[in-house]
Amino acid sequence: TYKNLLHVMVADGCNLPPRYTHNNLHNIALPNRLNNYGDSPRSIGVIY
């Protein structure tokens, strides 16, 4: 219901299929899997 937002998705060694993309979604695909429970992807998403 809150519309002033964007969605930042950060992939840990994979990529988001195009069927999921939309205007407010930003996808960052890390080329290598870091395997640290999403901690690095979360941090990268916050900085971005």
ModelCIF file with pLDDT and N, C-alpha, C, O atoms, coordinates in Angstrom:
data_MODEL
#
_entry.id   MODEL 
#
_entity.id                         1 
_entity.type                       polymer 
_entity.pdbx_number_of_molecules   1 
#
_entity_poly.entity_id                      1 
_entity_poly.type                           'polypeptide(L)' 
_entity_poly.nstd_linkage                   no 
_entity_poly.nstd_monomer                   no 
_entity_poly.pdbx_seq_one_letter_code       TYKNLLHVMVADGCNLPPRYTHNNLHNIALPNRLNNYGDSPRSIGVIY 
_entity_poly.pdbx_seq_one_letter_code_can   TYKNLLHVMVADGCNLPPRYTHNNLHNIALPNRLNNYGDSPRSIGVIY 
_entity_poly.pdbx_strand_id                 A 
#
loop_
_entity_poly_seq.entity_id 
_entity_poly_seq.num 
_entity_poly_seq.mon_id 
_entity_poly_seq.hetero 
1 1  THR n 
1 2  TYR n 
1 3  LYS n 
1 4  ASN n 
1 5  LEU n 
1 6  LEU n 
1 7  HIS n 
1 8  VAL n 
1 9  MET n 
1 10 VAL n 
1 11 ALA n 
1 12 ASP n 
1 13 GLY n 
1 14 CYS n 
1 15 ASN n 
1 16 LEU n 
1 17 PRO n 
1 18 PRO n 
1 19 ARG n 
1 20 TYR n 
1 21 THR n 
1 22 HIS n 
1 23 ASN n 
1 24 ASN n 
1 25 LEU n 
1 26 HIS n 
1 27 ASN n 
1 28 ILE n 
1 29 ALA n 
1 30 LEU n 
1 31 PRO n 
1 32 ASN n 
1 33 ARG n 
1 34 LEU n 
1 35 ASN n 
1 36 ASN n 
1 37 TYR n 
1 38 GLY n 
1 39 ASP n 
1 40 SER n 
1 41 PRO n 
1 42 ARG n 
1 43 SER n 
1 44 ILE n 
1 45 GLY n 
1 46 VAL n 
1 47 ILE n 
1 48 TYR n 
#
_struct_asym.id          A 
_struct_asym.entity_id   1 
#
loop_
_ma_qa_metric.id 
_ma_qa_metric.mode 
_ma_qa_metric.name 
_ma_qa_metric.software_group_id 
_ma_qa_metric.type 
1 global pLDDT . pLDDT 
2 local  pLDDT . pLDDT 
#
_ma_qa_metric_global.metric_id      1 
_ma_qa_metric_global.metric_value   93.69 
_ma_qa_metric_global.model_id       1 
_ma_qa_metric_global.ordinal_id     1 
#
loop_
_ma_qa_metric_local.label_asym_id 
_ma_qa_metric_local.label_comp_id 
_ma_qa_metric_local.label_seq_id 
_ma_qa_metric_local.metric_id 
_ma_qa_metric_local.metric_value 
_ma_qa_metric_local.model_id 
_ma_qa_metric_local.ordinal_id 
A THR 1  2 98.00 1 1  
A TYR 2  2 98.00 1 2  
A LYS 3  2 95.00 1 3  
A ASN 4  2 97.00 1 4  
A LEU 5  2 96.00 1 5  
A LEU 6  2 97.00 1 6  
A HIS 7  2 98.00 1 7  
A VAL 8  2 98.00 1 8  
A MET 9  2 97.00 1 9  
A VAL 10 2 97.00 1 10 
A ALA 11 2 95.00 1 11 
A ASP 12 2 94.00 1 12 
A GLY 13 2 91.00 1 13 
A CYS 14 2 92.00 1 14 
A ASN 15 2 88.00 1 15 
A LEU 16 2 90.00 1 16 
A PRO 17 2 89.00 1 17 
A PRO 18 2 88.00 1 18 
A ARG 19 2 89.00 1 19 
A TYR 20 2 89.00 1 20 
A THR 21 2 88.00 1 21 
A HIS 22 2 88.00 1 22 
A ASN 23 2 90.00 1 23 
A ASN 24 2 91.00 1 24 
A LEU 25 2 96.00 1 25 
A HIS 26 2 97.00 1 26 
A ASN 27 2 96.00 1 27 
A ILE 28 2 96.00 1 28 
A ALA 29 2 94.00 1 29 
A LEU 30 2 94.00 1 30 
A PRO 31 2 92.00 1 31 
A ASN 32 2 92.00 1 32 
A ARG 33 2 91.00 1 33 
A LEU 34 2 91.00 1 34 
A ASN 35 2 89.00 1 35 
A ASN 36 2 91.00 1 36 
A TYR 37 2 88.00 1 37 
A GLY 38 2 90.00 1 38 
A ASP 39 2 93.00 1 39 
A SER 40 2 95.00 1 40 
A PRO 41 2 96.00 1 41 
A ARG 42 2 97.00 1 42 
A SER 43 2 97.00 1 43 
A ILE 44 2 97.00 1 44 
A GLY 45 2 98.00 1 45 
A VAL 46 2 98.00 1 46 
A ILE 47 2 98.00 1 47 
A TYR 48 2 98.00 1 48 
#
loop_
_atom_site.group_PDB 
_atom_site.id 
_atom_site.type_symbol 
_atom_site.label_atom_id 
_atom_site.label_alt_id 
_atom_site.label_comp_id 
_atom_site.label_asym_id 
_atom_site.label_entity_id 
_atom_site.label_seq_id 
_atom_site.pdbx_PDB_ins_code 
_atom_site.Cartn_x 
_atom_site.Cartn_y 
_atom_site.Cartn_z 
_atom_site.occupancy 
_atom_site.B_iso_or_equiv 
_atom_site.pdbx_formal_charge 
_atom_site.auth_seq_id 
_atom_site.auth_comp_id 
_atom_site.auth_asym_id 
_atom_site.auth_atom_id 
_atom_site.pdbx_PDB_model_num 
ATOM 1   N N  . THR A 1 1  ? 0.839  -1.209  0.000   1.00 98.00 ? 1  THR A N  1 
ATOM 2   C CA . THR A 1 1  ? 0.000  0.000   0.000   1.00 98.00 ? 1  THR A CA 1 
ATOM 3   C C  . THR A 1 1  ? 0.865  1.247   0.000   1.00 98.00 ? 1  THR A C  1 
ATOM 4   O O  . THR A 1 1  ? 0.421  2.303   -0.449  1.00 98.00 ? 1  THR A O  1 
ATOM 5   N N  . TYR A 1 2  ? 2.085  1.147   0.491   1.00 98.00 ? 2  TYR A N  1 
ATOM 6   C CA . TYR A 1 2  ? 3.042  2.258   0.451   1.00 98.00 ? 2  TYR A CA 1 
ATOM 7   C C  . TYR A 1 2  ? 3.738  2.205   -0.904  1.00 98.00 ? 2  TYR A C  1 
ATOM 8   O O  . TYR A 1 2  ? 4.383  1.206   -1.224  1.00 98.00 ? 2  TYR A O  1 
ATOM 9   N N  . LYS A 1 3  ? 3.621  3.242   -1.691  1.00 95.00 ? 3  LYS A N  1 
ATOM 10  C CA . LYS A 1 3  ? 4.068  3.179   -3.083  1.00 95.00 ? 3  LYS A CA 1 
ATOM 11  C C  . LYS A 1 3  ? 5.423  3.825   -3.359  1.00 95.00 ? 3  LYS A C  1 
ATOM 12  O O  . LYS A 1 3  ? 5.975  3.622   -4.440  1.00 95.00 ? 3  LYS A O  1 
ATOM 13  N N  . ASN A 1 4  ? 5.981  4.598   -2.417  1.00 97.00 ? 4  ASN A N  1 
ATOM 14  C CA . ASN A 1 4  ? 7.259  5.259   -2.670  1.00 97.00 ? 4  ASN A CA 1 
ATOM 15  C C  . ASN A 1 4  ? 8.399  4.316   -2.292  1.00 97.00 ? 4  ASN A C  1 
ATOM 16  O O  . ASN A 1 4  ? 9.173  4.577   -1.372  1.00 97.00 ? 4  ASN A O  1 
ATOM 17  N N  . LEU A 1 5  ? 8.475  3.211   -3.034  1.00 96.00 ? 5  LEU A N  1 
ATOM 18  C CA . LEU A 1 5  ? 9.512  2.239   -2.733  1.00 96.00 ? 5  LEU A CA 1 
ATOM 19  C C  . LEU A 1 5  ? 10.050 1.586   -3.987  1.00 96.00 ? 5  LEU A C  1 
ATOM 20  O O  . LEU A 1 5  ? 9.437  1.632   -5.054  1.00 96.00 ? 5  LEU A O  1 
ATOM 21  N N  . LEU A 1 6  ? 11.205 0.979   -3.830  1.00 97.00 ? 6  LEU A N  1 
ATOM 22  C CA . LEU A 1 6  ? 11.787 0.176   -4.901  1.00 97.00 ? 6  LEU A CA 1 
ATOM 23  C C  . LEU A 1 6  ? 12.259 -1.129  -4.286  1.00 97.00 ? 6  LEU A C  1 
ATOM 24  O O  . LEU A 1 6  ? 12.487 -1.222  -3.080  1.00 97.00 ? 6  LEU A O  1 
ATOM 25  N N  . HIS A 1 7  ? 12.398 -2.118  -5.124  1.00 98.00 ? 7  HIS A N  1 
ATOM 26  C CA . HIS A 1 7  ? 12.803 -3.450  -4.680  1.00 98.00 ? 7  HIS A CA 1 
ATOM 27  C C  . HIS A 1 7  ? 14.187 -3.730  -5.250  1.00 98.00 ? 7  HIS A C  1 
ATOM 28  O O  . HIS A 1 7  ? 14.369 -3.752  -6.467  1.00 98.00 ? 7  HIS A O  1 
ATOM 29  N N  . VAL A 1 8  ? 15.164 -3.944  -4.367  1.00 98.00 ? 8  VAL A N  1 
ATOM 30  C CA . VAL A 1 8  ? 16.532 -4.266  -4.781  1.00 98.00 ? 8  VAL A CA 1 
ATOM 31  C C  . VAL A 1 8  ? 16.773 -5.732  -4.468  1.00 98.00 ? 8  VAL A C  1 
ATOM 32  O O  . VAL A 1 8  ? 16.790 -6.141  -3.307  1.00 98.00 ? 8  VAL A O  1 
ATOM 33  N N  . MET A 1 9  ? 16.956 -6.506  -5.510  1.00 97.00 ? 9  MET A N  1 
ATOM 34  C CA . MET A 1 9  ? 17.227 -7.930  -5.348  1.00 97.00 ? 9  MET A CA 1 
ATOM 35  C C  . MET A 1 9  ? 18.689 -8.176  -5.719  1.00 97.00 ? 9  MET A C  1 
ATOM 36  O O  . MET A 1 9  ? 19.175 -7.682  -6.737  1.00 97.00 ? 9  MET A O  1 
ATOM 37  N N  . VAL A 1 10 ? 19.380 -8.946  -4.878  1.00 97.00 ? 10 VAL A N  1 
ATOM 38  C CA . VAL A 1 10 ? 20.791 -9.239  -5.111  1.00 97.00 ? 10 VAL A CA 1 
ATOM 39  C C  . VAL A 1 10 ? 20.966 -10.749 -5.162  1.00 97.00 ? 10 VAL A C  1 
ATOM 40  O O  . VAL A 1 10 ? 20.725 -11.459 -4.186  1.00 97.00 ? 10 VAL A O  1 
ATOM 41  N N  . ALA A 1 11 ? 21.393 -11.214 -6.327  1.00 95.00 ? 11 ALA A N  1 
ATOM 42  C CA . ALA A 1 11 ? 21.544 -12.643 -6.572  1.00 95.00 ? 11 ALA A CA 1 
ATOM 43  C C  . ALA A 1 11 ? 22.912 -13.126 -6.118  1.00 95.00 ? 11 ALA A C  1 
ATOM 44  O O  . ALA A 1 11 ? 23.936 -12.521 -6.435  1.00 95.00 ? 11 ALA A O  1 
ATOM 45  N N  . ASP A 1 12 ? 22.914 -14.207 -5.380  1.00 94.00 ? 12 ASP A N  1 
ATOM 46  C CA . ASP A 1 12 ? 24.151 -14.822 -4.910  1.00 94.00 ? 12 ASP A CA 1 
ATOM 47  C C  . ASP A 1 12 ? 24.518 -15.962 -5.856  1.00 94.00 ? 12 ASP A C  1 
ATOM 48  O O  . ASP A 1 12 ? 24.246 -17.130 -5.577  1.00 94.00 ? 12 ASP A O  1 
ATOM 49  N N  . GLY A 1 13 ? 25.146 -15.601 -6.986  1.00 91.00 ? 13 GLY A N  1 
ATOM 50  C CA . GLY A 1 13 ? 25.622 -16.607 -7.928  1.00 91.00 ? 13 GLY A CA 1 
ATOM 51  C C  . GLY A 1 13 ? 24.593 -17.152 -8.896  1.00 91.00 ? 13 GLY A C  1 
ATOM 52  O O  . GLY A 1 13 ? 24.781 -18.239 -9.442  1.00 91.00 ? 13 GLY A O  1 
ATOM 53  N N  . CYS A 1 14 ? 23.523 -16.435 -9.120  1.00 92.00 ? 14 CYS A N  1 
ATOM 54  C CA . CYS A 1 14 ? 22.527 -16.832 -10.124 1.00 92.00 ? 14 CYS A CA 1 
ATOM 55  C C  . CYS A 1 14 ? 21.961 -15.551 -10.732 1.00 92.00 ? 14 CYS A C  1 
ATOM 56  O O  . CYS A 1 14 ? 22.497 -14.471 -10.486 1.00 92.00 ? 14 CYS A O  1 
ATOM 57  N N  . ASN A 1 15 ? 20.913 -15.645 -11.501 1.00 88.00 ? 15 ASN A N  1 
ATOM 58  C CA . ASN A 1 15 ? 20.318 -14.445 -12.073 1.00 88.00 ? 15 ASN A CA 1 
ATOM 59  C C  . ASN A 1 15 ? 18.797 -14.587 -12.101 1.00 88.00 ? 15 ASN A C  1 
ATOM 60  O O  . ASN A 1 15 ? 18.257 -15.684 -12.242 1.00 88.00 ? 15 ASN A O  1 
ATOM 61  N N  . LEU A 1 16 ? 18.138 -13.465 -11.965 1.00 90.00 ? 16 LEU A N  1 
ATOM 62  C CA . LEU A 1 16 ? 16.682 -13.429 -11.931 1.00 90.00 ? 16 LEU A CA 1 
ATOM 63  C C  . LEU A 1 16 ? 16.108 -13.639 -13.328 1.00 90.00 ? 16 LEU A C  1 
ATOM 64  O O  . LEU A 1 16 ? 16.481 -12.920 -14.255 1.00 90.00 ? 16 LEU A O  1 
ATOM 65  N N  . PRO A 1 17 ? 15.214 -14.601 -13.498 1.00 89.00 ? 17 PRO A N  1 
ATOM 66  C CA . PRO A 1 17 ? 14.581 -14.795 -14.800 1.00 89.00 ? 17 PRO A CA 1 
ATOM 67  C C  . PRO A 1 17 ? 13.802 -13.538 -15.211 1.00 89.00 ? 17 PRO A C  1 
ATOM 68  O O  . PRO A 1 17 ? 13.201 -12.880 -14.362 1.00 89.00 ? 17 PRO A O  1 
ATOM 69  N N  . PRO A 1 18 ? 13.809 -13.206 -16.490 1.00 88.00 ? 18 PRO A N  1 
ATOM 70  C CA . PRO A 1 18 ? 13.133 -11.988 -16.962 1.00 88.00 ? 18 PRO A CA 1 
ATOM 71  C C  . PRO A 1 18 ? 11.652 -11.905 -16.609 1.00 88.00 ? 18 PRO A C  1 
ATOM 72  O O  . PRO A 1 18 ? 11.114 -10.802 -16.508 1.00 88.00 ? 18 PRO A O  1 
ATOM 73  N N  . ARG A 1 19 ? 10.987 -13.023 -16.420 1.00 89.00 ? 19 ARG A N  1 
ATOM 74  C CA . ARG A 1 19 ? 9.551  -12.999 -16.111 1.00 89.00 ? 19 ARG A CA 1 
ATOM 75  C C  . ARG A 1 19 ? 9.255  -12.308 -14.778 1.00 89.00 ? 19 ARG A C  1 
ATOM 76  O O  . ARG A 1 19 ? 8.119  -11.900 -14.537 1.00 89.00 ? 19 ARG A O  1 
ATOM 77  N N  . TYR A 1 20 ? 10.254 -12.173 -13.920 1.00 89.00 ? 20 TYR A N  1 
ATOM 78  C CA . TYR A 1 20 ? 10.053 -11.547 -12.614 1.00 89.00 ? 20 TYR A CA 1 
ATOM 79  C C  . TYR A 1 20 ? 10.289 -10.039 -12.606 1.00 89.00 ? 20 TYR A C  1 
ATOM 80  O O  . TYR A 1 20 ? 9.918  -9.369  -11.642 1.00 89.00 ? 20 TYR A O  1 
ATOM 81  N N  . THR A 1 21 ? 10.877 -9.510  -13.621 1.00 88.00 ? 21 THR A N  1 
ATOM 82  C CA . THR A 1 21 ? 11.259 -8.095  -13.592 1.00 88.00 ? 21 THR A CA 1 
ATOM 83  C C  . THR A 1 21 ? 10.052 -7.169  -13.760 1.00 88.00 ? 21 THR A C  1 
ATOM 84  O O  . THR A 1 21 ? 9.064  -7.510  -14.410 1.00 88.00 ? 21 THR A O  1 
ATOM 85  N N  . HIS A 1 22 ? 10.168 -5.996  -13.156 1.00 88.00 ? 22 HIS A N  1 
ATOM 86  C CA . HIS A 1 22 ? 9.167  -4.941  -13.317 1.00 88.00 ? 22 HIS A CA 1 
ATOM 87  C C  . HIS A 1 22 ? 9.850  -3.595  -13.084 1.00 88.00 ? 22 HIS A C  1 
ATOM 88  O O  . HIS A 1 22 ? 11.030 -3.563  -12.735 1.00 88.00 ? 22 HIS A O  1 
ATOM 89  N N  . ASN A 1 23 ? 9.142  -2.494  -13.267 1.00 90.00 ? 23 ASN A N  1 
ATOM 90  C CA . ASN A 1 23 ? 9.749  -1.160  -13.260 1.00 90.00 ? 23 ASN A CA 1 
ATOM 91  C C  . ASN A 1 23 ? 10.446 -0.779  -11.962 1.00 90.00 ? 23 ASN A C  1 
ATOM 92  O O  . ASN A 1 23 ? 11.472 -0.101  -12.010 1.00 90.00 ? 23 ASN A O  1 
ATOM 93  N N  . ASN A 1 24 ? 9.936  -1.182  -10.814 1.00 91.00 ? 24 ASN A N  1 
ATOM 94  C CA . ASN A 1 24 ? 10.541 -0.786  -9.547  1.00 91.00 ? 24 ASN A CA 1 
ATOM 95  C C  . ASN A 1 24 ? 11.490 -1.833  -8.979  1.00 91.00 ? 24 ASN A C  1 
ATOM 96  O O  . ASN A 1 24 ? 11.885 -1.745  -7.817  1.00 91.00 ? 24 ASN A O  1 
ATOM 97  N N  . LEU A 1 25 ? 11.855 -2.815  -9.780  1.00 96.00 ? 25 LEU A N  1 
ATOM 98  C CA . LEU A 1 25 ? 12.759 -3.862  -9.325  1.00 96.00 ? 25 LEU A CA 1 
ATOM 99  C C  . LEU A 1 25 ? 14.145 -3.634  -9.916  1.00 96.00 ? 25 LEU A C  1 
ATOM 100 O O  . LEU A 1 25 ? 14.303 -3.531  -11.132 1.00 96.00 ? 25 LEU A O  1 
ATOM 101 N N  . HIS A 1 26 ? 15.132 -3.556  -9.055  1.00 97.00 ? 26 HIS A N  1 
ATOM 102 C CA . HIS A 1 26 ? 16.531 -3.454  -9.466  1.00 97.00 ? 26 HIS A CA 1 
ATOM 103 C C  . HIS A 1 26 ? 17.188 -4.775  -9.114  1.00 97.00 ? 26 HIS A C  1 
ATOM 104 O O  . HIS A 1 26 ? 17.149 -5.198  -7.959  1.00 97.00 ? 26 HIS A O  1 
ATOM 105 N N  . ASN A 1 27 ? 17.788 -5.429  -10.089 1.00 96.00 ? 27 ASN A N  1 
ATOM 106 C CA . ASN A 1 27 ? 18.428 -6.714  -9.859  1.00 96.00 ? 27 ASN A CA 1 
ATOM 107 C C  . ASN A 1 27 ? 19.936 -6.584  -10.015 1.00 96.00 ? 27 ASN A C  1 
ATOM 108 O O  . ASN A 1 27 ? 20.421 -6.082  -11.029 1.00 96.00 ? 27 ASN A O  1 
ATOM 109 N N  . ILE A 1 28 ? 20.669 -7.033  -9.018  1.00 96.00 ? 28 ILE A N  1 
ATOM 110 C CA . ILE A 1 28 ? 22.125 -7.074  -9.068  1.00 96.00 ? 28 ILE A CA 1 
ATOM 111 C C  . ILE A 1 28 ? 22.514 -8.547  -8.994  1.00 96.00 ? 28 ILE A C  1 
ATOM 112 O O  . ILE A 1 28 ? 22.186 -9.235  -8.027  1.00 96.00 ? 28 ILE A O  1 
ATOM 113 N N  . ALA A 1 29 ? 23.200 -9.017  -10.001 1.00 94.00 ? 29 ALA A N  1 
ATOM 114 C CA . ALA A 1 29 ? 23.585 -10.432 -10.048 1.00 94.00 ? 29 ALA A CA 1 
ATOM 115 C C  . ALA A 1 29 ? 25.073 -10.565 -9.753  1.00 94.00 ? 29 ALA A C  1 
ATOM 116 O O  . ALA A 1 29 ? 25.910 -10.141 -10.551 1.00 94.00 ? 29 ALA A O  1 
ATOM 117 N N  . LEU A 1 30 ? 25.399 -11.151 -8.614  1.00 94.00 ? 30 LEU A N  1 
ATOM 118 C CA . LEU A 1 30 ? 26.787 -11.439 -8.285  1.00 94.00 ? 30 LEU A CA 1 
ATOM 119 C C  . LEU A 1 30 ? 27.200 -12.692 -9.050  1.00 94.00 ? 30 LEU A C  1 
ATOM 120 O O  . LEU A 1 30 ? 26.477 -13.688 -9.016  1.00 94.00 ? 30 LEU A O  1 
ATOM 121 N N  . PRO A 1 31 ? 28.335 -12.672 -9.736  1.00 92.00 ? 31 PRO A N  1 
ATOM 122 C CA . PRO A 1 31 ? 28.697 -13.791 -10.610 1.00 92.00 ? 31 PRO A CA 1 
ATOM 123 C C  . PRO A 1 31 ? 29.096 -15.061 -9.869  1.00 92.00 ? 31 PRO A C  1 
ATOM 124 O O  . PRO A 1 31 ? 28.983 -16.157 -10.417 1.00 92.00 ? 31 PRO A O  1 
ATOM 125 N N  . ASN A 1 32 ? 29.559 -14.924 -8.635  1.00 92.00 ? 32 ASN A N  1 
ATOM 126 C CA . ASN A 1 32 ? 30.006 -16.079 -7.866  1.00 92.00 ? 32 ASN A CA 1 
ATOM 127 C C  . ASN A 1 32 ? 29.197 -16.199 -6.584  1.00 92.00 ? 32 ASN A C  1 
ATOM 128 O O  . ASN A 1 32 ? 28.873 -15.201 -5.940  1.00 92.00 ? 32 ASN A O  1 
ATOM 129 N N  . ARG A 1 33 ? 28.882 -17.417 -6.230  1.00 91.00 ? 33 ARG A N  1 
ATOM 130 C CA . ARG A 1 33 ? 28.122 -17.647 -5.004  1.00 91.00 ? 33 ARG A CA 1 
ATOM 131 C C  . ARG A 1 33 ? 29.036 -17.473 -3.789  1.00 91.00 ? 33 ARG A C  1 
ATOM 132 O O  . ARG A 1 33 ? 30.101 -18.086 -3.703  1.00 91.00 ? 33 ARG A O  1 
ATOM 133 N N  . LEU A 1 34 ? 28.601 -16.631 -2.860  1.00 91.00 ? 34 LEU A N  1 
ATOM 134 C CA . LEU A 1 34 ? 29.398 -16.329 -1.680  1.00 91.00 ? 34 LEU A CA 1 
ATOM 135 C C  . LEU A 1 34 ? 29.064 -17.221 -0.493  1.00 91.00 ? 34 LEU A C  1 
ATOM 136 O O  . LEU A 1 34 ? 29.879 -17.382 0.415   1.00 91.00 ? 34 LEU A O  1 
ATOM 137 N N  . ASN A 1 35 ? 27.883 -17.791 -0.497  1.00 89.00 ? 35 ASN A N  1 
ATOM 138 C CA . ASN A 1 35 ? 27.481 -18.757 0.528   1.00 89.00 ? 35 ASN A CA 1 
ATOM 139 C C  . ASN A 1 35 ? 27.628 -18.241 1.962   1.00 89.00 ? 35 ASN A C  1 
ATOM 140 O O  . ASN A 1 35 ? 28.096 -18.972 2.835   1.00 89.00 ? 35 ASN A O  1 
ATOM 141 N N  . ASN A 1 36 ? 27.237 -17.007 2.208   1.00 91.00 ? 36 ASN A N  1 
ATOM 142 C CA . ASN A 1 36 ? 27.291 -16.506 3.588   1.00 91.00 ? 36 ASN A CA 1 
ATOM 143 C C  . ASN A 1 36 ? 25.902 -16.069 4.063   1.00 91.00 ? 36 ASN A C  1 
ATOM 144 O O  . ASN A 1 36 ? 25.743 -15.043 4.725   1.00 91.00 ? 36 ASN A O  1 
ATOM 145 N N  . TYR A 1 37 ? 24.916 -16.873 3.706   1.00 88.00 ? 37 TYR A N  1 
ATOM 146 C CA . TYR A 1 37 ? 23.536 -16.698 4.175   1.00 88.00 ? 37 TYR A CA 1 
ATOM 147 C C  . TYR A 1 37 ? 22.911 -15.374 3.745   1.00 88.00 ? 37 TYR A C  1 
ATOM 148 O O  . TYR A 1 37 ? 21.994 -14.879 4.400   1.00 88.00 ? 37 TYR A O  1 
ATOM 149 N N  . GLY A 1 38 ? 23.396 -14.807 2.661   1.00 90.00 ? 38 GLY A N  1 
ATOM 150 C CA . GLY A 1 38 ? 22.820 -13.565 2.151   1.00 90.00 ? 38 GLY A CA 1 
ATOM 151 C C  . GLY A 1 38 ? 23.387 -12.302 2.774   1.00 90.00 ? 38 GLY A C  1 
ATOM 152 O O  . GLY A 1 38 ? 22.934 -11.204 2.452   1.00 90.00 ? 38 GLY A O  1 
ATOM 153 N N  . ASP A 1 39 ? 24.368 -12.432 3.662   1.00 93.00 ? 39 ASP A N  1 
ATOM 154 C CA . ASP A 1 39 ? 24.912 -11.248 4.329   1.00 93.00 ? 39 ASP A CA 1 
ATOM 155 C C  . ASP A 1 39 ? 25.572 -10.278 3.346   1.00 93.00 ? 39 ASP A C  1 
ATOM 156 O O  . ASP A 1 39 ? 25.306 -9.077  3.395   1.00 93.00 ? 39 ASP A O  1 
ATOM 157 N N  . SER A 1 40 ? 26.425 -10.783 2.460   1.00 95.00 ? 40 SER A N  1 
ATOM 158 C CA . SER A 1 40 ? 27.063 -9.905  1.472   1.00 95.00 ? 40 SER A CA 1 
ATOM 159 C C  . SER A 1 40 ? 26.042 -9.328  0.490   1.00 95.00 ? 40 SER A C  1 
ATOM 160 O O  . SER A 1 40 ? 26.083 -8.127  0.221   1.00 95.00 ? 40 SER A O  1 
ATOM 161 N N  . PRO A 1 41 ? 25.129 -10.136 -0.054  1.00 96.00 ? 41 PRO A N  1 
ATOM 162 C CA . PRO A 1 41 ? 24.105 -9.559  -0.926  1.00 96.00 ? 41 PRO A CA 1 
ATOM 163 C C  . PRO A 1 41 ? 23.265 -8.488  -0.226  1.00 96.00 ? 41 PRO A C  1 
ATOM 164 O O  . PRO A 1 41 ? 22.940 -7.474  -0.843  1.00 96.00 ? 41 PRO A O  1 
ATOM 165 N N  . ARG A 1 42 ? 22.909 -8.686  1.032   1.00 97.00 ? 42 ARG A N  1 
ATOM 166 C CA . ARG A 1 42 ? 22.165 -7.654  1.771   1.00 97.00 ? 42 ARG A CA 1 
ATOM 167 C C  . ARG A 1 42 ? 22.978 -6.359  1.847   1.00 97.00 ? 42 ARG A C  1 
ATOM 168 O O  . ARG A 1 42 ? 22.455 -5.273  1.596   1.00 97.00 ? 42 ARG A O  1 
ATOM 169 N N  . SER A 1 43 ? 24.251 -6.484  2.193   1.00 97.00 ? 43 SER A N  1 
ATOM 170 C CA . SER A 1 43 ? 25.105 -5.303  2.323   1.00 97.00 ? 43 SER A CA 1 
ATOM 171 C C  . SER A 1 43 ? 25.245 -4.562  1.000   1.00 97.00 ? 43 SER A C  1 
ATOM 172 O O  . SER A 1 43 ? 25.180 -3.333  0.958   1.00 97.00 ? 43 SER A O  1 
ATOM 173 N N  . ILE A 1 44 ? 25.432 -5.299  -0.057  1.00 97.00 ? 44 ILE A N  1 
ATOM 174 C CA . ILE A 1 44 ? 25.550 -4.689  -1.386  1.00 97.00 ? 44 ILE A CA 1 
ATOM 175 C C  . ILE A 1 44 ? 24.239 -3.994  -1.757  1.00 97.00 ? 44 ILE A C  1 
ATOM 176 O O  . ILE A 1 44 ? 24.255 -2.890  -2.300  1.00 97.00 ? 44 ILE A O  1 
ATOM 177 N N  . GLY A 1 45 ? 23.115 -4.633  -1.468  1.00 98.00 ? 45 GLY A N  1 
ATOM 178 C CA . GLY A 1 45 ? 21.812 -4.027  -1.743  1.00 98.00 ? 45 GLY A CA 1 
ATOM 179 C C  . GLY A 1 45 ? 21.603 -2.732  -0.988  1.00 98.00 ? 45 GLY A C  1 
ATOM 180 O O  . GLY A 1 45 ? 21.069 -1.772  -1.543  1.00 98.00 ? 45 GLY A O  1 
ATOM 181 N N  . VAL A 1 46 ? 22.018 -2.689  0.279   1.00 98.00 ? 46 VAL A N  1 
ATOM 182 C CA . VAL A 1 46 ? 21.875 -1.476  1.091   1.00 98.00 ? 46 VAL A CA 1 
ATOM 183 C C  . VAL A 1 46 ? 22.720 -0.341  0.516   1.00 98.00 ? 46 VAL A C  1 
ATOM 184 O O  . VAL A 1 46 ? 22.235 0.779   0.361   1.00 98.00 ? 46 VAL A O  1 
ATOM 185 N N  . ILE A 1 47 ? 23.967 -0.627  0.203   1.00 98.00 ? 47 ILE A N  1 
ATOM 186 C CA . ILE A 1 47 ? 24.851 0.406   -0.359  1.00 98.00 ? 47 ILE A CA 1 
ATOM 187 C C  . ILE A 1 47 ? 24.278 0.931   -1.674  1.00 98.00 ? 47 ILE A C  1 
ATOM 188 O O  . ILE A 1 47 ? 24.260 2.139   -1.910  1.00 98.00 ? 47 ILE A O  1 
ATOM 189 N N  . TYR A 1 48 ? 23.819 0.037   -2.512  1.00 98.00 ? 48 TYR A N  1 
ATOM 190 C CA . TYR A 1 48 ? 23.219 0.417   -3.794  1.00 98.00 ? 48 TYR A CA 1 
ATOM 191 C C  . TYR A 1 48 ? 21.988 1.298   -3.583  1.00 98.00 ? 48 TYR A C  1 
ATOM 192 O O  . TYR A 1 48 ? 21.353 1.715   -4.552  1.00 98.00 ? 48 TYR A O  1 
#
